[in-house]
Amino acid sequence: MSHILNLEVVVENLVILQHFAAGSEQYCRDRLIGSENDIGDGAYDEYWSWIKGLVSAYTLESSIRLRVLLDSVADKPEADKIPNLDTDARSGLVIGKVIDGKFKLTLRETCNKIIHAKKVIPVWLTGIERGIEFKYWSGDYDLSGTKGKESWRLLLHVGGWARCVERFLAKAESAELTSYVGQDWY
């Protein structure tokens, strides 16, 4: 028996990640985060902590649960559907960019990179509002680490990745890959 994965919570986390990635610029613009007006207030430091903490928590939790799902059904007859479901879920989305190393950006591999990253940096951009420069999270996560002796680096597009995982889970449920996860009699 595998763990009970509570995939509904994963989908909720994925929706929140998509909102963070899509809404950071406007949120920071409204508050002029990281601007000269923010000096001494610490809003940038506080927001940076929220982004790093929440995005790390939600991407890690989602990645671990997805990996457990994939590993739990790997020896089941339905497992032969996984590669096509993965490809379909990624269709039309950009989930990241390989900066260093040689690996394919499948869902399983991006989950592995999220889980095993030794360095995780939210990527910040600069915008202008009423002539005042501010900072906002771009929606990207710069992940790096090693696999064996080989270094790797991935620029993860969190919003696209989260949407892809959300699609995959919906397709996995339709393909009955999630039906018996956590059950003793599967």
C-alpha atoms as a PDB file:
ATOM      1  CA  MET A   1       0.000   0.000   0.000  1.00  0.00           C
ATOM      2  CA  SER A   2       1.182   3.488  -0.772  1.00  0.00           C
ATOM      3  CA  HIS A   3       0.610   6.604   1.277  1.00  0.00           C
ATOM      4  CA  ILE A   4      -2.725   8.365   1.025  1.00  0.00           C
ATOM      5  CA  LEU A   5      -1.701  11.355  -1.066  1.00  0.00           C
ATOM      6  CA  ASN A   6      -4.616  13.797  -0.728  1.00  0.00           C
ATOM      7  CA  LEU A   7      -4.194  15.031  -4.278  1.00  0.00           C
ATOM      8  CA  GLU A   8      -6.943  17.630  -3.773  1.00  0.00           C
ATOM      9  CA  VAL A   9      -4.551  19.541  -1.489  1.00  0.00           C
ATOM     10  CA  VAL A  10      -1.893  19.313  -4.185  1.00  0.00           C
ATOM     11  CA  VAL A  11      -4.284  20.865  -6.719  1.00  0.00           C
ATOM     12  CA  GLU A  12      -5.085  23.671  -4.253  1.00  0.00           C
ATOM     13  CA  ASN A  13      -1.352  24.331  -3.818  1.00  0.00           C
ATOM     14  CA  LEU A  14      -0.861  24.331  -7.585  1.00  0.00           C
ATOM     15  CA  VAL A  15      -3.606  26.934  -8.024  1.00  0.00           C
ATOM     16  CA  ILE A  16      -1.993  29.116  -5.340  1.00  0.00           C
ATOM     17  CA  LEU A  17       1.388  28.800  -7.086  1.00  0.00           C
ATOM     18  CA  GLN A  18      -0.169  29.895 -10.368  1.00  0.00           C
ATOM     19  CA  HIS A  19      -1.731  32.914  -8.676  1.00  0.00           C
ATOM     20  CA  PHE A  20       1.568  33.889  -7.035  1.00  0.00           C
ATOM     21  CA  ALA A  21       3.399  33.595 -10.345  1.00  0.00           C
ATOM     22  CA  ALA A  22       0.746  35.554 -12.258  1.00  0.00           C
ATOM     23  CA  GLY A  23       0.022  38.182  -9.631  1.00  0.00           C
ATOM     24  CA  SER A  24       3.371  39.094  -8.128  1.00  0.00           C
ATOM     25  CA  GLU A  25       4.013  42.038 -10.408  1.00  0.00           C
ATOM     26  CA  GLN A  26       0.693  43.735  -9.641  1.00  0.00           C
ATOM     27  CA  TYR A  27       0.954  42.987  -5.916  1.00  0.00           C
ATOM     28  CA  CYS A  28       4.424  44.537  -5.748  1.00  0.00           C
ATOM     29  CA  ARG A  29       3.450  47.437  -8.032  1.00  0.00           C
ATOM     30  CA  ASP A  30       0.549  48.349  -5.722  1.00  0.00           C
ATOM     31  CA  ARG A  31       2.895  48.424  -2.716  1.00  0.00           C
ATOM     32  CA  LEU A  32       6.062  49.649  -4.514  1.00  0.00           C
ATOM     33  CA  ILE A  33       7.940  46.755  -2.937  1.00  0.00           C
ATOM     34  CA  GLY A  34      11.698  47.095  -3.092  1.00  0.00           C
ATOM     35  CA  SER A  35      11.445  50.740  -4.133  1.00  0.00           C
ATOM     36  CA  GLU A  36      12.970  53.825  -2.554  1.00  0.00           C
ATOM     37  CA  ASN A  37       9.605  54.203  -0.756  1.00  0.00           C
ATOM     38  CA  ASP A  38      10.165  50.800   0.866  1.00  0.00           C
ATOM     39  CA  ILE A  39      13.487  51.705   2.495  1.00  0.00           C
ATOM     40  CA  GLY A  40      13.207  51.012   6.197  1.00  0.00           C
ATOM     41  CA  ASP A  41       9.804  49.327   5.904  1.00  0.00           C
ATOM     42  CA  GLY A  42      11.182  45.904   4.958  1.00  0.00           C
ATOM     43  CA  ALA A  43       8.257  45.013   2.683  1.00  0.00           C
ATOM     44  CA  TYR A  44      10.687  43.595   0.104  1.00  0.00           C
ATOM     45  CA  ASP A  45      12.373  41.387   2.717  1.00  0.00           C
ATOM     46  CA  GLU A  46       9.006  40.219   4.029  1.00  0.00           C
ATOM     47  CA  TYR A  47       7.642  39.520   0.534  1.00  0.00           C
ATOM     48  CA  TRP A  48      10.871  37.741  -0.461  1.00  0.00           C
ATOM     49  CA  SER A  49      10.416  35.473   2.580  1.00  0.00           C
ATOM     50  CA  TRP A  50       6.809  34.753   1.631  1.00  0.00           C
ATOM     51  CA  ILE A  51       7.731  33.891  -1.928  1.00  0.00           C
ATOM     52  CA  LYS A  52      10.698  31.703  -0.983  1.00  0.00           C
ATOM     53  CA  GLY A  53       8.836  29.991   1.857  1.00  0.00           C
ATOM     54  CA  LEU A  54       5.487  29.408   0.183  1.00  0.00           C
ATOM     55  CA  VAL A  55       6.817  28.534  -3.257  1.00  0.00           C
ATOM     56  CA  SER A  56       9.370  26.151  -1.747  1.00  0.00           C
ATOM     57  CA  ALA A  57       6.741  24.495   0.442  1.00  0.00           C
ATOM     58  CA  TYR A  58       4.147  24.113  -2.316  1.00  0.00           C
ATOM     59  CA  THR A  59       6.542  22.987  -5.070  1.00  0.00           C
ATOM     60  CA  LEU A  60       8.242  20.505  -2.729  1.00  0.00           C
ATOM     61  CA  GLU A  61       4.999  19.065  -1.377  1.00  0.00           C
ATOM     62  CA  SER A  62       3.500  18.793  -4.857  1.00  0.00           C
ATOM     63  CA  SER A  63       6.677  17.205  -6.258  1.00  0.00           C
ATOM     64  CA  ILE A  64       6.951  14.654  -3.488  1.00  0.00           C
ATOM     65  CA  ARG A  65       3.306  13.632  -3.741  1.00  0.00           C
ATOM     66  CA  LEU A  66       3.501  13.390  -7.537  1.00  0.00           C
ATOM     67  CA  ARG A  67       6.645  11.260  -7.304  1.00  0.00           C
ATOM     68  CA  VAL A  68       4.954   8.966  -4.746  1.00  0.00           C
ATOM     69  CA  LEU A  69       1.978   8.641  -7.100  1.00  0.00           C
ATOM     70  CA  LEU A  70       4.237   7.791 -10.038  1.00  0.00           C
ATOM     71  CA  ASP A  71       6.247   5.303  -8.002  1.00  0.00           C
ATOM     72  CA  SER A  72       3.081   3.717  -6.551  1.00  0.00           C
ATOM     73  CA  VAL A  73       1.614   2.926  -9.944  1.00  0.00           C
ATOM     74  CA  ALA A  74       4.891   2.142 -11.739  1.00  0.00           C
ATOM     75  CA  ASP A  75       4.299  -1.619 -11.568  1.00  0.00           C
ATOM     76  CA  LYS A  76       0.564  -1.467 -12.355  1.00  0.00           C
ATOM     77  CA  PRO A  77      -0.960  -2.112 -15.795  1.00  0.00           C
ATOM     78  CA  GLU A  78      -2.034   1.541 -16.042  1.00  0.00           C
ATOM     79  CA  ALA A  79       1.600   2.707 -15.808  1.00  0.00           C
ATOM     80  CA  ASP A  80       2.032   2.441 -19.561  1.00  0.00           C
ATOM     81  CA  LYS A  81      -0.229   5.516 -19.855  1.00  0.00           C
ATOM     82  CA  ILE A  82       2.130   7.769 -17.875  1.00  0.00           C
ATOM     83  CA  PRO A  83       4.476   8.904 -20.678  1.00  0.00           C
ATOM     84  CA  ASN A  84       1.559   9.993 -22.887  1.00  0.00           C
ATOM     85  CA  LEU A  85      -0.210  11.706 -19.974  1.00  0.00           C
ATOM     86  CA  ASP A  86       3.007  13.566 -19.182  1.00  0.00           C
ATOM     87  CA  THR A  87       3.451  14.670 -22.801  1.00  0.00           C
ATOM     88  CA  ASP A  88      -0.204  15.720 -23.070  1.00  0.00           C
ATOM     89  CA  ALA A  89      -0.016  17.682 -19.794  1.00  0.00           C
ATOM     90  CA  ARG A  90       3.056  19.599 -21.032  1.00  0.00           C
ATOM     91  CA  SER A  91       1.523  20.350 -24.433  1.00  0.00           C
ATOM     92  CA  GLY A  92       1.549  24.084 -25.153  1.00  0.00           C
ATOM     93  CA  LEU A  93       3.225  24.959 -21.841  1.00  0.00           C
ATOM     94  CA  VAL A  94       6.765  26.024 -21.068  1.00  0.00           C
ATOM     95  CA  ILE A  95       7.600  24.539 -17.679  1.00  0.00           C
ATOM     96  CA  GLY A  96      11.233  25.552 -17.539  1.00  0.00           C
ATOM     97  CA  LYS A  97      14.556  25.889 -19.272  1.00  0.00           C
ATOM     98  CA  VAL A  98      17.628  23.710 -18.815  1.00  0.00           C
ATOM     99  CA  ILE A  99      20.522  26.092 -18.146  1.00  0.00           C
ATOM    100  CA  ASP A 100      23.179  23.504 -17.283  1.00  0.00           C
ATOM    101  CA  GLY A 101      23.208  19.739 -17.732  1.00  0.00           C
ATOM    102  CA  LYS A 102      21.449  17.347 -20.060  1.00  0.00           C
ATOM    103  CA  PHE A 103      18.009  16.183 -19.042  1.00  0.00           C
ATOM    104  CA  LYS A 104      14.525  16.221 -20.484  1.00  0.00           C
ATOM    105  CA  LEU A 105      11.931  18.378 -18.769  1.00  0.00           C
ATOM    106  CA  THR A 106       9.380  15.710 -17.994  1.00  0.00           C
ATOM    107  CA  LEU A 107       7.198  16.079 -14.928  1.00  0.00           C
ATOM    108  CA  ARG A 108       9.115  13.345 -13.127  1.00  0.00           C
ATOM    109  CA  GLU A 109      12.457  15.000 -13.869  1.00  0.00           C
ATOM    110  CA  THR A 110      11.301  18.469 -12.830  1.00  0.00           C
ATOM    111  CA  CYS A 111       9.992  16.964  -9.582  1.00  0.00           C
ATOM    112  CA  ASN A 112      13.383  15.320  -9.051  1.00  0.00           C
ATOM    113  CA  LYS A 113      15.126  18.646  -9.623  1.00  0.00           C
ATOM    114  CA  ILE A 114      12.810  20.445  -7.184  1.00  0.00           C
ATOM    115  CA  ILE A 115      13.345  17.767  -4.533  1.00  0.00           C
ATOM    116  CA  HIS A 116      17.119  17.504  -4.935  1.00  0.00           C
ATOM    117  CA  ALA A 117      18.022  21.159  -5.582  1.00  0.00           C
ATOM    118  CA  LYS A 118      20.886  22.358  -3.405  1.00  0.00           C
ATOM    119  CA  LYS A 119      20.401  25.993  -4.359  1.00  0.00           C
ATOM    120  CA  VAL A 120      16.982  27.585  -4.859  1.00  0.00           C
ATOM    121  CA  ILE A 121      16.658  31.248  -5.824  1.00  0.00           C
ATOM    122  CA  PRO A 122      13.469  33.134  -6.723  1.00  0.00           C
ATOM    123  CA  VAL A 123      14.186  35.293  -9.780  1.00  0.00           C
ATOM    124  CA  TRP A 124      13.293  38.987  -9.334  1.00  0.00           C
ATOM    125  CA  LEU A 125      12.594  41.596 -11.975  1.00  0.00           C
ATOM    126  CA  THR A 126      12.297  45.367 -11.858  1.00  0.00           C
ATOM    127  CA  GLY A 127       9.281  47.394 -12.906  1.00  0.00           C
ATOM    128  CA  ILE A 128       8.403  51.079 -12.953  1.00  0.00           C
ATOM    129  CA  GLU A 129       5.274  52.644 -11.454  1.00  0.00           C
ATOM    130  CA  ARG A 130       4.760  56.429 -11.576  1.00  0.00           C
ATOM    131  CA  GLY A 131       8.478  56.819 -12.223  1.00  0.00           C
ATOM    132  CA  ILE A 132       9.404  54.685  -9.189  1.00  0.00           C
ATOM    133  CA  GLU A 133      11.369  51.483  -9.647  1.00  0.00           C
ATOM    134  CA  PHE A 134      10.080  48.441  -7.714  1.00  0.00           C
ATOM    135  CA  LYS A 135      10.913  44.717  -7.538  1.00  0.00           C
ATOM    136  CA  TYR A 136       8.673  41.713  -8.104  1.00  0.00           C
ATOM    137  CA  TRP A 137       9.002  37.961  -8.385  1.00  0.00           C
ATOM    138  CA  SER A 138       9.175  36.905 -12.031  1.00  0.00           C
ATOM    139  CA  GLY A 139       7.449  33.567 -11.433  1.00  0.00           C
ATOM    140  CA  ASP A 140      10.722  31.718 -12.062  1.00  0.00           C
ATOM    141  CA  TYR A 141      12.760  29.625  -9.656  1.00  0.00           C
ATOM    142  CA  ASP A 142      16.469  29.135 -10.356  1.00  0.00           C
ATOM    143  CA  LEU A 143      17.271  25.606  -9.152  1.00  0.00           C
ATOM    144  CA  SER A 144      20.682  23.973  -9.202  1.00  0.00           C
ATOM    145  CA  GLY A 145      22.416  20.917  -7.833  1.00  0.00           C
ATOM    146  CA  THR A 146      24.342  17.844  -8.806  1.00  0.00           C
ATOM    147  CA  LYS A 147      23.469  14.351  -9.924  1.00  0.00           C
ATOM    148  CA  GLY A 148      26.460  12.165  -9.290  1.00  0.00           C
ATOM    149  CA  LYS A 149      29.386  14.312 -10.353  1.00  0.00           C
ATOM    150  CA  GLU A 150      27.419  16.243 -12.963  1.00  0.00           C
ATOM    151  CA  SER A 151      26.080  19.676 -12.122  1.00  0.00           C
ATOM    152  CA  TRP A 152      22.710  20.823 -13.364  1.00  0.00           C
ATOM    153  CA  ARG A 153      20.700  24.023 -13.333  1.00  0.00           C
ATOM    154  CA  LEU A 154      17.040  24.546 -14.156  1.00  0.00           C
ATOM    155  CA  LEU A 155      15.081  27.748 -14.536  1.00  0.00           C
ATOM    156  CA  LEU A 156      11.645  26.501 -13.455  1.00  0.00           C
ATOM    157  CA  HIS A 157       8.674  28.509 -14.702  1.00  0.00           C
ATOM    158  CA  VAL A 158       6.547  27.896 -11.618  1.00  0.00           C
ATOM    159  CA  GLY A 159       3.200  28.941 -13.104  1.00  0.00           C
ATOM    160  CA  GLY A 160       3.601  26.774 -16.202  1.00  0.00           C
ATOM    161  CA  TRP A 161       4.923  23.862 -14.151  1.00  0.00           C
ATOM    162  CA  ALA A 162       2.036  24.103 -11.671  1.00  0.00           C
ATOM    163  CA  ARG A 163      -0.499  24.202 -14.522  1.00  0.00           C
ATOM    164  CA  CYS A 164       1.190  21.181 -16.086  1.00  0.00           C
ATOM    165  CA  VAL A 165       1.038  19.160 -12.854  1.00  0.00           C
ATOM    166  CA  GLU A 166      -2.609  20.182 -12.413  1.00  0.00           C
ATOM    167  CA  ARG A 167      -3.363  18.928 -15.946  1.00  0.00           C
ATOM    168  CA  PHE A 168      -1.431  15.722 -15.337  1.00  0.00           C
ATOM    169  CA  LEU A 169      -3.347  14.937 -12.148  1.00  0.00           C
ATOM    170  CA  ALA A 170      -6.682  15.494 -13.922  1.00  0.00           C
ATOM    171  CA  LYS A 171      -5.580  13.220 -16.767  1.00  0.00           C
ATOM    172  CA  ALA A 172      -4.234  10.615 -14.319  1.00  0.00           C
ATOM    173  CA  GLU A 173      -7.574  10.563 -12.535  1.00  0.00           C
ATOM    174  CA  SER A 174      -9.444  10.143 -15.836  1.00  0.00           C
ATOM    175  CA  ALA A 175      -7.087   7.304 -16.754  1.00  0.00           C
ATOM    176  CA  GLU A 176      -7.806   5.699 -13.351  1.00  0.00           C
ATOM    177  CA  LEU A 177      -4.189   5.999 -12.215  1.00  0.00           C
ATOM    178  CA  THR A 178      -5.232   7.543  -8.905  1.00  0.00           C
ATOM    179  CA  SER A 179      -8.181   5.277  -8.102  1.00  0.00           C
ATOM    180  CA  TYR A 180      -6.516   2.866  -5.729  1.00  0.00           C
ATOM    181  CA  VAL A 181      -3.537   4.823  -4.422  1.00  0.00           C
ATOM    182  CA  GLY A 182      -3.444   4.394  -0.667  1.00  0.00           C
ATOM    183  CA  GLN A 183      -5.671   1.322  -0.704  1.00  0.00           C
ATOM    184  CA  ASP A 184      -4.521  -1.960   0.849  1.00  0.00           C
ATOM    185  CA  TRP A 185      -6.169  -4.048  -1.833  1.00  0.00           C
ATOM    186  CA  TYR A 186      -4.590  -2.580  -4.954  1.00  0.00           C
END
